[in-house]
Amino acid sequence: MLSDVQEKYNEQTFVQNPTISETRYLYGLFNDSLKLRTEYRLSKTITDSVIMYNYISETDLSRSLKIGYNLNSKILSFDIGSQYEVDKLKVLSDSEGNSFDCYKMKNPIVDGIEPTLFNENYGVLALTGALNPSAFFISKKDNVSFVRQIEEILYH
C-alpha cells in the first residue's frame, strides 16, 4: 500500500511558471540631459493569461516597478493602478529584432506616464510623461545612440 502511494506521488507533476531574468540599464532624460541612472534586474513570470514584469533596482529597492501584461486583452497594468492600451503598432525596432508598440493610458491624467513603449518579450523600453523625467530601460550598457533614437521618435 505504501508503495502505491509513493508511485502516485512520483507520477504527479507540479507546474512551475517559467521565470526569466535579464539585465536592463535605466537611462533618465530630464531637461535634455541624458544620464545612466542604475542597473535593474528584470524578472518575467509567465502564466497562461498574464506576464508579470518585475524591475528591481540594484541600488534602491524603493525604486522597483511591477507591471502586468494581460495576454488576452493586451492591456498593460502598472502596480500603481494605471492601465494602458495599444495606441500605435510597431513604432520602433531594436537591433535584436524586437518591435515596440506605443501604449497610452486608458483613462489619461495630467501627470500620467505616456506614451509607453512596450514589447511582450522585451518588456518596457520607455516610460515618458510631460511632467516627469523620461525613463529608458535599455538591454545594453552605453547604448546612448539607441536612447537618442527613441527620444527622436517620441518627441519629434
N, C-alpha and C. Protein backbone atom coordinates (compact mmCIF):
# COMPACT_ATOMS: atom_id res chain seq x y z
N MET A 1 0.83 -1.19 0.00
CA MET A 1 0.00 0.00 0.00
C MET A 1 0.87 1.26 0.00
N LEU A 2 1.88 1.28 0.83
CA LEU A 2 2.78 2.44 0.87
C LEU A 2 3.47 2.65 -0.46
N SER A 3 3.83 1.56 -1.14
CA SER A 3 4.49 1.70 -2.44
C SER A 3 3.53 2.28 -3.48
N ASP A 4 2.21 1.97 -3.38
CA ASP A 4 1.22 2.55 -4.29
C ASP A 4 1.12 4.06 -4.13
N VAL A 5 1.12 4.51 -2.88
CA VAL A 5 1.05 5.95 -2.59
C VAL A 5 2.30 6.63 -3.11
N GLN A 6 3.45 6.02 -2.89
CA GLN A 6 4.72 6.59 -3.35
C GLN A 6 4.75 6.69 -4.87
N GLU A 7 4.25 5.65 -5.56
CA GLU A 7 4.21 5.67 -7.03
C GLU A 7 3.33 6.80 -7.53
N LYS A 8 2.16 6.96 -6.90
CA LYS A 8 1.23 8.01 -7.31
C LYS A 8 1.86 9.39 -7.09
N TYR A 9 2.55 9.57 -5.95
CA TYR A 9 3.21 10.84 -5.66
C TYR A 9 4.29 11.12 -6.70
N ASN A 10 5.05 10.12 -7.09
CA ASN A 10 6.11 10.30 -8.07
C ASN A 10 5.57 10.64 -9.45
N GLU A 11 4.34 10.21 -9.76
CA GLU A 11 3.73 10.48 -11.06
C GLU A 11 3.21 11.91 -11.17
N GLN A 12 2.89 12.53 -10.04
CA GLN A 12 2.33 13.88 -10.08
C GLN A 12 3.37 14.86 -10.61
N THR A 13 2.88 15.75 -11.42
CA THR A 13 3.78 16.79 -11.92
C THR A 13 3.34 18.12 -11.36
N PHE A 14 4.28 18.93 -11.05
CA PHE A 14 4.00 20.25 -10.50
C PHE A 14 4.32 21.28 -11.56
N VAL A 15 3.33 22.12 -11.88
CA VAL A 15 3.53 23.13 -12.90
C VAL A 15 4.18 24.34 -12.25
N GLN A 16 5.31 24.71 -12.75
CA GLN A 16 6.00 25.89 -12.26
C GLN A 16 6.03 26.92 -13.38
N ASN A 17 5.62 28.13 -13.06
CA ASN A 17 5.62 29.18 -14.06
C ASN A 17 7.05 29.56 -14.41
N PRO A 18 7.36 29.61 -15.71
CA PRO A 18 8.73 29.97 -16.09
C PRO A 18 9.06 31.40 -15.67
N THR A 19 10.23 31.59 -15.13
CA THR A 19 10.71 32.91 -14.77
C THR A 19 12.00 33.16 -15.53
N ILE A 20 12.06 34.31 -16.16
CA ILE A 20 13.21 34.70 -16.96
C ILE A 20 13.83 35.93 -16.30
N SER A 21 15.14 35.95 -16.19
CA SER A 21 15.82 37.08 -15.57
C SER A 21 16.78 37.71 -16.57
N GLU A 22 16.72 39.04 -16.68
CA GLU A 22 17.56 39.78 -17.61
C GLU A 22 18.02 41.07 -16.94
N THR A 23 19.01 41.72 -17.55
CA THR A 23 19.51 42.99 -17.03
C THR A 23 19.01 44.13 -17.92
N ARG A 24 18.63 45.23 -17.29
CA ARG A 24 18.26 46.45 -18.01
C ARG A 24 19.02 47.61 -17.36
N TYR A 25 19.41 48.57 -18.20
CA TYR A 25 20.11 49.76 -17.72
C TYR A 25 19.15 50.93 -17.87
N LEU A 26 18.89 51.60 -16.77
CA LEU A 26 17.96 52.72 -16.78
C LEU A 26 18.68 54.01 -17.12
N TYR A 27 18.25 54.62 -18.22
CA TYR A 27 18.71 55.95 -18.59
C TYR A 27 17.58 56.92 -18.28
N GLY A 28 17.91 58.07 -17.72
CA GLY A 28 16.92 59.09 -17.43
C GLY A 28 17.16 60.31 -18.28
N LEU A 29 16.07 60.88 -18.78
CA LEU A 29 16.16 62.09 -19.59
C LEU A 29 15.31 63.16 -18.92
N PHE A 30 15.95 64.26 -18.55
CA PHE A 30 15.26 65.38 -17.92
C PHE A 30 15.92 66.66 -18.38
N ASN A 31 15.12 67.59 -18.92
CA ASN A 31 15.65 68.86 -19.44
C ASN A 31 16.80 68.65 -20.42
N ASP A 32 16.62 67.74 -21.36
CA ASP A 32 17.61 67.43 -22.39
C ASP A 32 18.92 66.86 -21.87
N SER A 33 18.95 66.47 -20.61
CA SER A 33 20.15 65.87 -20.04
C SER A 33 19.90 64.37 -19.88
N LEU A 34 20.75 63.56 -20.52
CA LEU A 34 20.61 62.12 -20.50
C LEU A 34 21.69 61.53 -19.61
N LYS A 35 21.27 60.69 -18.66
CA LYS A 35 22.23 60.08 -17.74
C LYS A 35 21.89 58.62 -17.50
N LEU A 36 22.94 57.80 -17.39
CA LEU A 36 22.76 56.42 -16.98
C LEU A 36 22.50 56.45 -15.48
N ARG A 37 21.37 55.95 -15.07
CA ARG A 37 20.98 56.04 -13.67
C ARG A 37 21.43 54.84 -12.85
N THR A 38 20.98 53.67 -13.25
CA THR A 38 21.30 52.48 -12.46
C THR A 38 20.99 51.22 -13.25
N GLU A 39 21.42 50.11 -12.73
CA GLU A 39 21.14 48.82 -13.32
C GLU A 39 19.90 48.22 -12.66
N TYR A 40 19.06 47.59 -13.46
CA TYR A 40 17.86 46.92 -12.96
C TYR A 40 17.93 45.45 -13.32
N ARG A 41 17.37 44.63 -12.46
CA ARG A 41 17.20 43.21 -12.74
C ARG A 41 15.74 43.04 -13.12
N LEU A 42 15.48 42.57 -14.33
CA LEU A 42 14.13 42.32 -14.80
C LEU A 42 13.84 40.84 -14.67
N SER A 43 12.79 40.51 -13.92
CA SER A 43 12.35 39.12 -13.88
C SER A 43 10.94 39.07 -14.46
N LYS A 44 10.75 38.13 -15.38
CA LYS A 44 9.46 37.94 -16.03
C LYS A 44 8.91 36.59 -15.58
N THR A 45 7.66 36.59 -15.13
CA THR A 45 6.98 35.36 -14.77
C THR A 45 5.81 35.20 -15.73
N ILE A 46 5.76 34.07 -16.39
CA ILE A 46 4.78 33.84 -17.46
C ILE A 46 3.75 32.82 -17.00
N THR A 47 2.47 33.19 -17.13
CA THR A 47 1.37 32.26 -16.87
C THR A 47 0.56 32.14 -18.16
N ASP A 48 -0.56 31.43 -18.09
CA ASP A 48 -1.42 31.27 -19.27
C ASP A 48 -2.00 32.58 -19.76
N SER A 49 -2.29 33.50 -18.86
CA SER A 49 -3.01 34.71 -19.26
C SER A 49 -2.27 36.02 -18.98
N VAL A 50 -1.22 35.97 -18.17
CA VAL A 50 -0.53 37.20 -17.77
C VAL A 50 0.98 36.99 -17.74
N ILE A 51 1.70 38.02 -18.15
CA ILE A 51 3.15 38.06 -17.93
C ILE A 51 3.40 39.17 -16.92
N MET A 52 4.08 38.83 -15.83
CA MET A 52 4.44 39.82 -14.82
C MET A 52 5.90 40.22 -15.02
N TYR A 53 6.14 41.52 -15.07
CA TYR A 53 7.47 42.09 -15.22
C TYR A 53 7.82 42.79 -13.92
N ASN A 54 8.89 42.36 -13.30
CA ASN A 54 9.32 42.96 -12.04
C ASN A 54 10.70 43.57 -12.26
N TYR A 55 10.76 44.90 -12.25
CA TYR A 55 12.01 45.63 -12.43
C TYR A 55 12.55 45.97 -11.05
N ILE A 56 13.68 45.38 -10.69
CA ILE A 56 14.24 45.56 -9.35
C ILE A 56 15.53 46.37 -9.46
N SER A 57 15.54 47.53 -8.83
CA SER A 57 16.72 48.39 -8.84
C SER A 57 17.84 47.73 -8.06
N GLU A 58 19.04 47.74 -8.63
CA GLU A 58 20.20 47.16 -7.96
C GLU A 58 20.72 48.06 -6.84
N THR A 59 20.28 49.33 -6.82
CA THR A 59 20.80 50.27 -5.82
C THR A 59 19.76 50.76 -4.82
N ASP A 60 18.48 50.71 -5.18
CA ASP A 60 17.44 51.26 -4.30
C ASP A 60 16.13 50.50 -4.53
N LEU A 61 15.82 49.56 -3.66
CA LEU A 61 14.63 48.72 -3.82
C LEU A 61 13.33 49.52 -3.86
N SER A 62 13.31 50.71 -3.28
CA SER A 62 12.09 51.53 -3.29
C SER A 62 11.77 52.04 -4.70
N ARG A 63 12.72 51.95 -5.60
CA ARG A 63 12.52 52.42 -6.99
C ARG A 63 12.17 51.27 -7.94
N SER A 64 11.79 50.14 -7.37
CA SER A 64 11.41 48.99 -8.19
C SER A 64 10.01 49.20 -8.76
N LEU A 65 9.71 48.46 -9.81
CA LEU A 65 8.47 48.66 -10.57
C LEU A 65 7.91 47.30 -10.98
N LYS A 66 6.58 47.14 -10.83
CA LYS A 66 5.91 45.92 -11.27
C LYS A 66 4.86 46.26 -12.31
N ILE A 67 4.86 45.47 -13.38
CA ILE A 67 3.92 45.68 -14.48
C ILE A 67 3.37 44.32 -14.89
N GLY A 68 2.07 44.28 -15.17
CA GLY A 68 1.44 43.07 -15.67
C GLY A 68 0.95 43.30 -17.09
N TYR A 69 1.05 42.27 -17.91
CA TYR A 69 0.55 42.35 -19.28
C TYR A 69 -0.44 41.22 -19.49
N ASN A 70 -1.69 41.58 -19.76
CA ASN A 70 -2.74 40.59 -19.98
C ASN A 70 -2.65 40.12 -21.44
N LEU A 71 -2.36 38.85 -21.62
CA LEU A 71 -2.15 38.31 -22.96
C LEU A 71 -3.44 38.29 -23.78
N ASN A 72 -4.60 38.25 -23.13
CA ASN A 72 -5.88 38.21 -23.85
C ASN A 72 -6.33 39.60 -24.27
N SER A 73 -6.33 40.55 -23.34
CA SER A 73 -6.83 41.90 -23.63
C SER A 73 -5.75 42.83 -24.17
N LYS A 74 -4.47 42.43 -24.06
CA LYS A 74 -3.32 43.24 -24.50
C LYS A 74 -3.22 44.56 -23.71
N ILE A 75 -3.65 44.52 -22.44
CA ILE A 75 -3.61 45.68 -21.55
C ILE A 75 -2.40 45.58 -20.63
N LEU A 76 -1.67 46.69 -20.48
CA LEU A 76 -0.58 46.81 -19.50
C LEU A 76 -1.17 47.38 -18.22
N SER A 77 -0.82 46.80 -17.08
CA SER A 77 -1.29 47.31 -15.79
C SER A 77 -0.09 47.55 -14.89
N PHE A 78 0.06 48.78 -14.43
CA PHE A 78 1.14 49.13 -13.52
C PHE A 78 0.70 48.89 -12.09
N ASP A 79 1.65 48.64 -11.20
CA ASP A 79 1.31 48.36 -9.81
C ASP A 79 0.66 49.56 -9.12
N ILE A 80 0.73 50.74 -9.70
CA ILE A 80 0.09 51.92 -9.11
C ILE A 80 -1.37 52.06 -9.56
N GLY A 81 -1.84 51.09 -10.37
CA GLY A 81 -3.24 51.06 -10.76
C GLY A 81 -3.54 51.57 -12.14
N SER A 82 -2.60 52.16 -12.83
CA SER A 82 -2.83 52.70 -14.17
C SER A 82 -2.88 51.56 -15.18
N GLN A 83 -3.77 51.72 -16.16
CA GLN A 83 -3.88 50.73 -17.22
C GLN A 83 -3.63 51.41 -18.57
N TYR A 84 -2.95 50.68 -19.46
CA TYR A 84 -2.54 51.22 -20.75
C TYR A 84 -3.00 50.28 -21.86
N GLU A 85 -3.40 50.86 -22.99
CA GLU A 85 -3.79 50.08 -24.15
C GLU A 85 -3.00 50.54 -25.37
N VAL A 86 -2.94 49.68 -26.38
CA VAL A 86 -2.17 49.98 -27.59
C VAL A 86 -2.74 51.21 -28.29
N ASP A 87 -1.84 52.12 -28.66
CA ASP A 87 -2.21 53.30 -29.44
C ASP A 87 -1.70 53.16 -30.88
N LYS A 88 -0.43 52.77 -31.02
CA LYS A 88 0.17 52.59 -32.35
C LYS A 88 1.02 51.33 -32.32
N LEU A 89 0.98 50.59 -33.41
CA LEU A 89 1.76 49.35 -33.50
C LEU A 89 3.11 49.60 -34.16
N LYS A 90 4.11 48.87 -33.68
CA LYS A 90 5.45 48.84 -34.29
C LYS A 90 6.01 50.22 -34.62
N VAL A 91 6.14 51.05 -33.61
CA VAL A 91 6.68 52.39 -33.82
C VAL A 91 8.21 52.41 -33.84
N LEU A 92 8.84 51.32 -33.36
CA LEU A 92 10.30 51.28 -33.26
C LEU A 92 10.76 49.83 -33.18
N SER A 93 11.92 49.54 -33.76
CA SER A 93 12.54 48.22 -33.63
C SER A 93 13.96 48.40 -33.14
N ASP A 94 14.44 47.41 -32.38
CA ASP A 94 15.82 47.48 -31.90
C ASP A 94 16.71 46.53 -32.71
N SER A 95 18.00 46.51 -32.40
CA SER A 95 18.96 45.71 -33.15
C SER A 95 18.78 44.21 -32.89
N GLU A 96 17.99 43.85 -31.88
CA GLU A 96 17.76 42.44 -31.55
C GLU A 96 16.49 41.90 -32.20
N GLY A 97 15.82 42.73 -33.02
CA GLY A 97 14.63 42.29 -33.72
C GLY A 97 13.32 42.48 -32.98
N ASN A 98 13.34 43.17 -31.84
CA ASN A 98 12.11 43.45 -31.10
C ASN A 98 11.41 44.67 -31.70
N SER A 99 10.11 44.55 -31.94
CA SER A 99 9.30 45.68 -32.39
C SER A 99 8.47 46.17 -31.21
N PHE A 100 8.50 47.47 -30.98
CA PHE A 100 7.83 48.05 -29.81
C PHE A 100 6.57 48.79 -30.23
N ASP A 101 5.51 48.55 -29.47
CA ASP A 101 4.24 49.24 -29.67
C ASP A 101 4.14 50.40 -28.70
N CYS A 102 3.37 51.40 -29.09
CA CYS A 102 3.15 52.57 -28.25
C CYS A 102 1.84 52.39 -27.49
N TYR A 103 1.90 52.52 -26.17
CA TYR A 103 0.73 52.38 -25.31
C TYR A 103 0.40 53.72 -24.68
N LYS A 104 -0.89 53.98 -24.51
CA LYS A 104 -1.35 55.19 -23.82
C LYS A 104 -2.34 54.79 -22.74
N MET A 105 -2.51 55.66 -21.77
CA MET A 105 -3.40 55.38 -20.64
C MET A 105 -4.85 55.22 -21.11
N LYS A 106 -5.55 54.26 -20.51
CA LYS A 106 -6.98 54.09 -20.82
C LYS A 106 -7.77 55.29 -20.32
N ASN A 107 -7.40 55.80 -19.15
CA ASN A 107 -8.04 56.97 -18.55
C ASN A 107 -6.95 57.99 -18.24
N PRO A 108 -6.61 58.83 -19.23
CA PRO A 108 -5.48 59.76 -19.07
C PRO A 108 -5.66 60.73 -17.90
N ILE A 109 -4.53 61.05 -17.27
CA ILE A 109 -4.48 62.07 -16.22
C ILE A 109 -3.34 63.02 -16.57
N VAL A 110 -3.38 64.23 -16.01
CA VAL A 110 -2.43 65.28 -16.36
C VAL A 110 -0.98 64.84 -16.15
N ASP A 111 -0.68 64.24 -15.02
CA ASP A 111 0.72 63.86 -14.74
C ASP A 111 0.97 62.37 -15.01
N GLY A 112 0.18 61.78 -15.90
CA GLY A 112 0.33 60.37 -16.23
C GLY A 112 1.58 60.09 -17.03
N ILE A 113 1.95 58.84 -17.04
CA ILE A 113 3.14 58.41 -17.77
C ILE A 113 2.67 57.85 -19.11
N GLU A 114 2.86 58.64 -20.15
CA GLU A 114 2.55 58.20 -21.50
C GLU A 114 3.23 59.10 -22.50
N PRO A 115 3.58 58.60 -23.64
CA PRO A 115 3.41 57.23 -24.08
C PRO A 115 4.43 56.28 -23.45
N THR A 116 4.11 55.00 -23.53
CA THR A 116 4.98 53.93 -23.05
C THR A 116 5.28 53.02 -24.23
N LEU A 117 6.55 52.70 -24.43
CA LEU A 117 6.93 51.76 -25.48
C LEU A 117 7.14 50.39 -24.84
N PHE A 118 6.51 49.37 -25.45
CA PHE A 118 6.47 48.05 -24.83
C PHE A 118 6.50 46.96 -25.89
N ASN A 119 7.13 45.84 -25.53
CA ASN A 119 7.15 44.63 -26.34
C ASN A 119 6.98 43.46 -25.38
N GLU A 120 6.13 42.52 -25.73
CA GLU A 120 5.81 41.38 -24.86
C GLU A 120 7.06 40.60 -24.43
N ASN A 121 8.00 40.38 -25.33
CA ASN A 121 9.22 39.64 -24.99
C ASN A 121 10.22 40.49 -24.21
N TYR A 122 10.37 41.73 -24.60
CA TYR A 122 11.38 42.62 -24.01
C TYR A 122 10.90 43.25 -22.71
N GLY A 123 9.62 43.63 -22.67
CA GLY A 123 9.09 44.40 -21.55
C GLY A 123 9.02 45.87 -21.92
N VAL A 124 9.14 46.74 -20.93
CA VAL A 124 9.06 48.18 -21.16
C VAL A 124 10.40 48.69 -21.68
N LEU A 125 10.32 49.48 -22.74
CA LEU A 125 11.52 50.14 -23.29
C LEU A 125 11.58 51.58 -22.81
N ALA A 126 10.43 52.28 -22.82
CA ALA A 126 10.42 53.70 -22.46
C ALA A 126 9.15 54.06 -21.72
N LEU A 127 9.32 54.87 -20.68
CA LEU A 127 8.22 55.48 -19.93
C LEU A 127 8.42 56.98 -20.03
N THR A 128 7.45 57.69 -20.57
CA THR A 128 7.61 59.13 -20.74
C THR A 128 6.41 59.86 -20.18
N GLY A 129 6.57 61.14 -19.95
CA GLY A 129 5.48 61.97 -19.47
C GLY A 129 5.87 63.43 -19.50
N ALA A 130 4.88 64.28 -19.72
CA ALA A 130 5.15 65.71 -19.84
C ALA A 130 5.70 66.31 -18.54
N LEU A 131 5.23 65.83 -17.40
CA LEU A 131 5.63 66.41 -16.12
C LEU A 131 6.66 65.57 -15.36
N ASN A 132 7.12 64.49 -15.98
CA ASN A 132 8.05 63.58 -15.32
C ASN A 132 9.29 63.37 -16.18
N PRO A 133 10.40 63.03 -15.56
CA PRO A 133 11.56 62.64 -16.37
C PRO A 133 11.22 61.37 -17.16
N SER A 134 11.78 61.23 -18.33
CA SER A 134 11.57 60.03 -19.13
C SER A 134 12.56 58.96 -18.67
N ALA A 135 12.12 57.71 -18.73
CA ALA A 135 12.95 56.58 -18.33
C ALA A 135 13.04 55.60 -19.48
N PHE A 136 14.26 55.12 -19.75
CA PHE A 136 14.51 54.19 -20.84
C PHE A 136 15.21 52.96 -20.26
N PHE A 137 14.62 51.78 -20.42
CA PHE A 137 15.19 50.54 -19.93
C PHE A 137 15.87 49.83 -21.10
N ILE A 138 17.19 49.97 -21.18
CA ILE A 138 17.98 49.51 -22.31
C ILE A 138 18.71 48.21 -21.93
N SER A 139 18.78 47.27 -22.87
CA SER A 139 19.41 45.97 -22.58
C SER A 139 20.93 46.02 -22.66
N LYS A 140 21.49 47.03 -23.33
CA LYS A 140 22.94 47.13 -23.46
C LYS A 140 23.43 48.42 -22.82
N LYS A 141 24.43 48.30 -21.98
CA LYS A 141 25.01 49.47 -21.33
C LYS A 141 25.70 50.35 -22.36
N ASP A 142 25.65 51.64 -22.14
CA ASP A 142 26.32 52.62 -23.01
C ASP A 142 25.77 52.63 -24.44
N ASN A 143 24.47 52.43 -24.58
CA ASN A 143 23.84 52.47 -25.90
C ASN A 143 23.07 53.79 -26.04
N VAL A 144 23.81 54.88 -25.89
CA VAL A 144 23.23 56.22 -25.92
C VAL A 144 22.58 56.52 -27.26
N SER A 145 23.16 56.03 -28.35
CA SER A 145 22.59 56.32 -29.68
C SER A 145 21.18 55.74 -29.81
N PHE A 146 20.93 54.58 -29.22
CA PHE A 146 19.59 53.99 -29.27
C PHE A 146 18.61 54.82 -28.42
N VAL A 147 19.07 55.28 -27.28
CA VAL A 147 18.22 56.13 -26.43
C VAL A 147 17.86 57.41 -27.19
N ARG A 148 18.81 57.99 -27.88
CA ARG A 148 18.54 59.20 -28.67
C ARG A 148 17.57 58.91 -29.83
N GLN A 149 17.65 57.73 -30.40
CA GLN A 149 16.72 57.32 -31.46
C GLN A 149 15.30 57.23 -30.89
N ILE A 150 15.15 56.67 -29.71
CA ILE A 150 13.84 56.58 -29.05
C ILE A 150 13.31 57.97 -28.78
N GLU A 151 14.17 58.82 -28.25
CA GLU A 151 13.80 60.20 -27.94
C GLU A 151 13.29 60.92 -29.19
N GLU A 152 14.00 60.73 -30.30
CA GLU A 152 13.61 61.37 -31.57
C GLU A 152 12.21 60.93 -32.00
N ILE A 153 11.93 59.65 -31.88
CA ILE A 153 10.61 59.13 -32.29
C ILE A 153 9.50 59.66 -31.36
N LEU A 154 9.78 59.71 -30.08
CA LEU A 154 8.75 60.11 -29.12
C LEU A 154 8.48 61.61 -29.07
N TYR A 155 9.49 62.42 -29.29
CA TYR A 155 9.35 63.85 -29.06
C TYR A 155 9.37 64.71 -30.31
N HIS A 156 9.59 64.13 -31.46
CA HIS A 156 9.67 64.97 -32.67
C HIS A 156 8.78 64.47 -33.78
